[in-house]
């Protein structure tokens, strides 16, 4: 799972990266990473969910979910770029849900 804001003033802002989610996961509570999953670094160079807070206007927030044919072995410091590289040829399906948010 990658959550990002492509409309951020500095370019793509990563709000959350989580991998190795169990395919049977049907819900995720705020602030909780499901058992067996791992989360990496956001654009703030730390793990954890970064809530939307666009400085102006309405921004798109993309929730990108990927189905993979493997379990990934990444350090907890992995970021979006590292995650995308590791997923590489292992992506079976993907879907994006885009939400809009503004102050």
N, C-alpha and C. Protein backbone atom coordinates (compact mmCIF):
# COMPACT_ATOMS: atom_id res chain seq x y z
N UNK A 1 0.85 -1.17 0.00
CA UNK A 1 0.00 0.00 0.00
C UNK A 1 0.89 1.23 0.00
N UNK A 2 0.64 2.12 -0.92
CA UNK A 2 1.35 3.41 -0.97
C UNK A 2 0.29 4.50 -1.00
N UNK A 3 0.41 5.45 -0.09
CA UNK A 3 -0.49 6.60 -0.08
C UNK A 3 0.36 7.83 -0.34
N UNK A 4 0.01 8.56 -1.40
CA UNK A 4 0.79 9.75 -1.72
C UNK A 4 -0.09 10.89 -2.24
N UNK A 5 0.50 12.08 -2.25
CA UNK A 5 -0.15 13.31 -2.71
C UNK A 5 0.68 13.89 -3.84
N UNK A 6 0.27 13.69 -5.09
CA UNK A 6 1.05 14.21 -6.21
C UNK A 6 0.94 15.73 -6.37
N UNK A 7 0.03 16.37 -5.64
CA UNK A 7 -0.19 17.81 -5.76
C UNK A 7 0.57 18.63 -4.72
N UNK A 8 1.38 18.00 -3.91
CA UNK A 8 2.13 18.71 -2.88
C UNK A 8 3.06 19.74 -3.52
N UNK A 9 3.30 20.87 -2.85
CA UNK A 9 4.15 21.92 -3.41
C UNK A 9 5.55 21.45 -3.81
N UNK A 10 6.11 20.50 -3.05
CA UNK A 10 7.46 20.02 -3.36
C UNK A 10 7.44 18.79 -4.27
N UNK A 11 6.29 18.48 -4.83
CA UNK A 11 6.15 17.28 -5.66
C UNK A 11 5.47 16.18 -4.88
N UNK A 12 5.64 14.97 -5.31
CA UNK A 12 4.98 13.81 -4.70
C UNK A 12 5.32 13.70 -3.21
N UNK A 13 4.31 13.79 -2.33
CA UNK A 13 4.51 13.64 -0.89
C UNK A 13 3.94 12.30 -0.48
N UNK A 14 4.78 11.45 0.12
CA UNK A 14 4.38 10.10 0.53
C UNK A 14 3.86 10.15 1.96
N UNK A 15 2.61 9.74 2.13
CA UNK A 15 1.95 9.75 3.44
C UNK A 15 2.07 8.42 4.18
N UNK A 16 2.27 7.33 3.43
CA UNK A 16 2.35 6.03 4.10
C UNK A 16 2.82 4.98 3.11
N UNK A 17 3.66 4.08 3.55
CA UNK A 17 4.02 2.88 2.79
C UNK A 17 3.93 1.68 3.71
N UNK A 18 3.21 0.66 3.27
CA UNK A 18 3.03 -0.57 4.05
C UNK A 18 3.13 -1.74 3.07
N UNK A 19 3.85 -2.78 3.47
CA UNK A 19 3.96 -3.94 2.60
C UNK A 19 3.77 -5.22 3.38
N UNK A 20 3.60 -6.31 2.65
CA UNK A 20 3.34 -7.65 3.20
C UNK A 20 2.03 -7.71 3.97
N UNK A 21 1.04 -6.99 3.45
CA UNK A 21 -0.31 -7.09 4.01
C UNK A 21 -0.89 -8.45 3.66
N UNK A 22 -1.53 -9.09 4.61
CA UNK A 22 -2.22 -10.34 4.35
C UNK A 22 -3.36 -10.06 3.36
N UNK A 23 -3.49 -10.84 2.30
CA UNK A 23 -4.57 -10.61 1.33
C UNK A 23 -5.97 -10.68 1.94
N UNK A 24 -6.08 -11.30 3.10
CA UNK A 24 -7.38 -11.40 3.75
C UNK A 24 -7.70 -10.17 4.60
N UNK A 25 -6.79 -9.20 4.66
CA UNK A 25 -7.03 -7.98 5.43
C UNK A 25 -8.20 -7.23 4.82
N UNK A 26 -9.21 -6.96 5.63
CA UNK A 26 -10.39 -6.26 5.11
C UNK A 26 -10.56 -4.86 5.69
N UNK A 27 -9.79 -4.55 6.72
CA UNK A 27 -9.87 -3.22 7.32
C UNK A 27 -8.57 -2.92 8.05
N UNK A 28 -8.28 -1.64 8.16
CA UNK A 28 -7.10 -1.21 8.89
C UNK A 28 -7.52 -0.07 9.80
N UNK A 29 -7.27 -0.22 11.08
CA UNK A 29 -7.61 0.81 12.05
C UNK A 29 -6.58 1.94 11.97
N UNK A 30 -7.00 3.14 12.26
CA UNK A 30 -6.09 4.29 12.24
C UNK A 30 -4.91 4.05 13.17
N UNK A 31 -3.71 4.23 12.62
CA UNK A 31 -2.50 4.10 13.42
C UNK A 31 -2.03 2.69 13.65
N UNK A 32 -2.75 1.71 13.12
CA UNK A 32 -2.36 0.31 13.34
C UNK A 32 -1.90 -0.34 12.05
N UNK A 33 -0.81 -1.09 12.13
CA UNK A 33 -0.32 -1.87 11.01
C UNK A 33 -0.73 -3.31 11.27
N UNK A 34 -1.44 -3.93 10.33
CA UNK A 34 -1.89 -5.31 10.56
C UNK A 34 -0.73 -6.27 10.86
N UNK A 35 -1.03 -7.29 11.64
CA UNK A 35 -0.04 -8.30 12.01
C UNK A 35 0.62 -8.87 10.76
N UNK A 36 1.94 -8.96 10.78
CA UNK A 36 2.70 -9.51 9.68
C UNK A 36 3.11 -8.50 8.62
N UNK A 37 2.51 -7.33 8.64
CA UNK A 37 2.84 -6.28 7.67
C UNK A 37 3.96 -5.40 8.23
N UNK A 38 4.59 -4.65 7.35
CA UNK A 38 5.65 -3.73 7.74
C UNK A 38 5.37 -2.36 7.14
N UNK A 39 5.80 -1.32 7.84
CA UNK A 39 5.67 0.01 7.27
C UNK A 39 7.05 0.65 7.16
N UNK A 40 7.20 1.44 6.12
CA UNK A 40 8.47 2.10 5.87
C UNK A 40 8.37 3.59 6.08
N UNK A 41 9.33 4.30 5.50
CA UNK A 41 9.44 5.73 5.70
C UNK A 41 8.59 6.55 4.73
N UNK A 42 8.03 7.61 5.26
CA UNK A 42 7.24 8.57 4.48
C UNK A 42 8.16 9.69 4.00
N UNK A 43 7.56 10.72 3.44
CA UNK A 43 8.36 11.88 3.01
C UNK A 43 8.94 12.65 4.19
N UNK A 44 8.47 12.36 5.40
CA UNK A 44 9.04 12.98 6.61
C UNK A 44 10.21 12.15 7.15
N UNK A 45 10.61 11.13 6.39
CA UNK A 45 11.74 10.26 6.74
C UNK A 45 11.52 9.53 8.07
N UNK A 46 10.28 9.10 8.28
CA UNK A 46 9.94 8.30 9.46
C UNK A 46 8.76 7.41 9.09
N UNK A 47 8.55 6.38 9.89
CA UNK A 47 7.41 5.50 9.63
C UNK A 47 6.16 6.07 10.27
N UNK A 48 5.03 5.51 9.90
CA UNK A 48 3.74 5.95 10.44
C UNK A 48 2.95 6.77 9.44
N UNK A 49 1.67 6.79 9.65
CA UNK A 49 0.74 7.53 8.82
C UNK A 49 0.95 9.03 9.00
N UNK A 50 1.01 9.76 7.89
CA UNK A 50 1.08 11.22 7.93
C UNK A 50 -0.26 11.74 7.41
N UNK A 51 -1.02 12.36 8.27
CA UNK A 51 -2.36 12.84 7.90
C UNK A 51 -2.28 13.94 6.84
N UNK A 52 -3.28 13.99 5.96
CA UNK A 52 -3.32 15.04 4.94
C UNK A 52 -3.43 16.43 5.56
N UNK A 53 -2.68 17.36 5.00
CA UNK A 53 -2.72 18.74 5.48
C UNK A 53 -2.23 19.67 4.35
N UNK A 54 -2.96 19.69 3.23
CA UNK A 54 -2.50 20.51 2.11
C UNK A 54 -2.49 21.99 2.50
N UNK A 55 -1.43 22.72 2.11
CA UNK A 55 -1.31 24.13 2.48
C UNK A 55 -2.35 25.02 1.82
N UNK A 56 -2.80 24.62 0.63
CA UNK A 56 -3.83 25.39 -0.06
C UNK A 56 -4.48 24.53 -1.13
N UNK A 57 -5.68 24.89 -1.49
CA UNK A 57 -6.38 24.19 -2.55
C UNK A 57 -6.78 22.77 -2.19
N UNK A 58 -7.26 22.08 -3.18
CA UNK A 58 -7.68 20.69 -3.03
C UNK A 58 -6.60 19.80 -3.63
N UNK A 59 -6.20 18.79 -2.89
CA UNK A 59 -5.16 17.86 -3.34
C UNK A 59 -5.75 16.48 -3.57
N UNK A 60 -5.11 15.73 -4.47
CA UNK A 60 -5.46 14.33 -4.71
C UNK A 60 -4.62 13.46 -3.78
N UNK A 61 -5.27 12.54 -3.13
CA UNK A 61 -4.56 11.58 -2.28
C UNK A 61 -4.81 10.19 -2.88
N UNK A 62 -3.73 9.58 -3.38
CA UNK A 62 -3.81 8.28 -4.05
C UNK A 62 -3.50 7.17 -3.07
N UNK A 63 -4.41 6.22 -2.98
CA UNK A 63 -4.23 5.02 -2.18
C UNK A 63 -3.99 3.90 -3.19
N UNK A 64 -2.74 3.47 -3.34
CA UNK A 64 -2.37 2.47 -4.35
C UNK A 64 -2.12 1.14 -3.66
N UNK A 65 -2.92 0.17 -4.02
CA UNK A 65 -2.81 -1.16 -3.42
C UNK A 65 -2.31 -2.13 -4.48
N UNK A 66 -1.31 -2.91 -4.13
CA UNK A 66 -0.68 -3.85 -5.06
C UNK A 66 -0.82 -5.28 -4.54
N UNK A 67 -1.17 -6.19 -5.43
CA UNK A 67 -1.15 -7.63 -5.13
C UNK A 67 0.15 -8.18 -5.71
N UNK A 68 0.92 -8.86 -4.87
CA UNK A 68 2.22 -9.39 -5.29
C UNK A 68 2.23 -10.91 -5.22
N UNK A 69 3.17 -11.49 -5.93
CA UNK A 69 3.32 -12.95 -5.91
C UNK A 69 4.46 -13.39 -4.98
N UNK A 70 4.85 -12.51 -4.06
CA UNK A 70 5.94 -12.82 -3.14
C UNK A 70 5.81 -12.00 -1.86
N UNK A 71 6.53 -12.42 -0.85
CA UNK A 71 6.67 -11.65 0.39
C UNK A 71 7.96 -10.85 0.24
N UNK A 72 7.93 -9.57 0.59
CA UNK A 72 9.10 -8.70 0.45
C UNK A 72 9.94 -8.68 1.71
N UNK A 73 11.23 -8.61 1.53
CA UNK A 73 12.16 -8.49 2.64
C UNK A 73 12.86 -7.14 2.49
N UNK A 74 12.35 -6.16 3.22
CA UNK A 74 12.88 -4.80 3.15
C UNK A 74 13.17 -4.28 4.56
N UNK A 75 14.11 -3.37 4.68
CA UNK A 75 14.36 -2.76 5.99
C UNK A 75 13.22 -1.80 6.35
N UNK A 76 13.06 -1.55 7.63
CA UNK A 76 12.01 -0.63 8.09
C UNK A 76 12.25 0.79 7.59
N UNK A 77 13.43 1.07 7.09
CA UNK A 77 13.74 2.40 6.56
C UNK A 77 13.42 2.52 5.07
N UNK A 78 12.86 1.46 4.48
CA UNK A 78 12.51 1.50 3.06
C UNK A 78 11.49 2.61 2.81
N UNK A 79 11.64 3.27 1.68
CA UNK A 79 10.69 4.32 1.29
C UNK A 79 9.96 3.89 0.03
N UNK A 80 9.15 4.78 -0.52
CA UNK A 80 8.35 4.47 -1.70
C UNK A 80 9.22 3.96 -2.85
N UNK A 81 10.34 4.62 -3.11
CA UNK A 81 11.22 4.23 -4.21
C UNK A 81 11.75 2.82 -4.02
N UNK A 82 12.21 2.52 -2.83
CA UNK A 82 12.74 1.18 -2.54
C UNK A 82 11.64 0.13 -2.65
N UNK A 83 10.45 0.46 -2.17
CA UNK A 83 9.33 -0.47 -2.24
C UNK A 83 8.96 -0.76 -3.69
N UNK A 84 8.85 0.28 -4.51
CA UNK A 84 8.52 0.07 -5.92
C UNK A 84 9.58 -0.77 -6.62
N UNK A 85 10.84 -0.54 -6.31
CA UNK A 85 11.92 -1.34 -6.91
C UNK A 85 11.81 -2.80 -6.49
N UNK A 86 11.53 -3.04 -5.21
CA UNK A 86 11.43 -4.42 -4.72
C UNK A 86 10.22 -5.14 -5.31
N UNK A 87 9.14 -4.41 -5.54
CA UNK A 87 7.94 -5.04 -6.11
C UNK A 87 8.18 -5.42 -7.57
N UNK A 88 8.90 -4.58 -8.30
CA UNK A 88 9.27 -4.84 -9.69
C UNK A 88 8.37 -5.78 -10.46
N UNK A 89 8.91 -6.94 -10.78
CA UNK A 89 8.21 -7.94 -11.58
C UNK A 89 7.22 -8.79 -10.78
N UNK A 90 7.03 -8.47 -9.51
CA UNK A 90 6.16 -9.28 -8.65
C UNK A 90 4.72 -8.78 -8.60
N UNK A 91 4.40 -7.69 -9.29
CA UNK A 91 3.05 -7.13 -9.24
C UNK A 91 2.12 -7.97 -10.11
N UNK A 92 1.08 -8.50 -9.46
CA UNK A 92 0.07 -9.32 -10.14
C UNK A 92 -1.10 -8.44 -10.56
N UNK A 93 -1.54 -7.58 -9.65
CA UNK A 93 -2.64 -6.64 -9.89
C UNK A 93 -2.38 -5.39 -9.08
N UNK A 94 -3.01 -4.30 -9.49
CA UNK A 94 -2.94 -3.07 -8.70
C UNK A 94 -4.20 -2.26 -8.92
N UNK A 95 -4.53 -1.46 -7.92
CA UNK A 95 -5.71 -0.61 -7.99
C UNK A 95 -5.38 0.69 -7.27
N UNK A 96 -5.96 1.78 -7.73
CA UNK A 96 -5.76 3.08 -7.09
C UNK A 96 -7.12 3.70 -6.75
N UNK A 97 -7.25 4.13 -5.52
CA UNK A 97 -8.41 4.89 -5.08
C UNK A 97 -7.91 6.31 -4.83
N UNK A 98 -8.52 7.29 -5.47
CA UNK A 98 -8.09 8.68 -5.31
C UNK A 98 -9.16 9.45 -4.56
N UNK A 99 -8.74 10.07 -3.46
CA UNK A 99 -9.62 10.92 -2.68
C UNK A 99 -9.18 12.36 -2.81
N UNK A 100 -10.11 13.29 -2.69
CA UNK A 100 -9.79 14.71 -2.74
C UNK A 100 -9.95 15.30 -1.35
N UNK A 101 -9.01 16.19 -0.99
CA UNK A 101 -9.05 16.82 0.33
C UNK A 101 -8.46 18.21 0.24
N UNK A 102 -9.10 19.16 0.91
CA UNK A 102 -8.60 20.52 1.02
C UNK A 102 -9.04 21.11 2.33
N UNK A 103 -8.38 22.19 2.71
CA UNK A 103 -8.75 22.84 3.98
C UNK A 103 -10.03 23.62 3.81
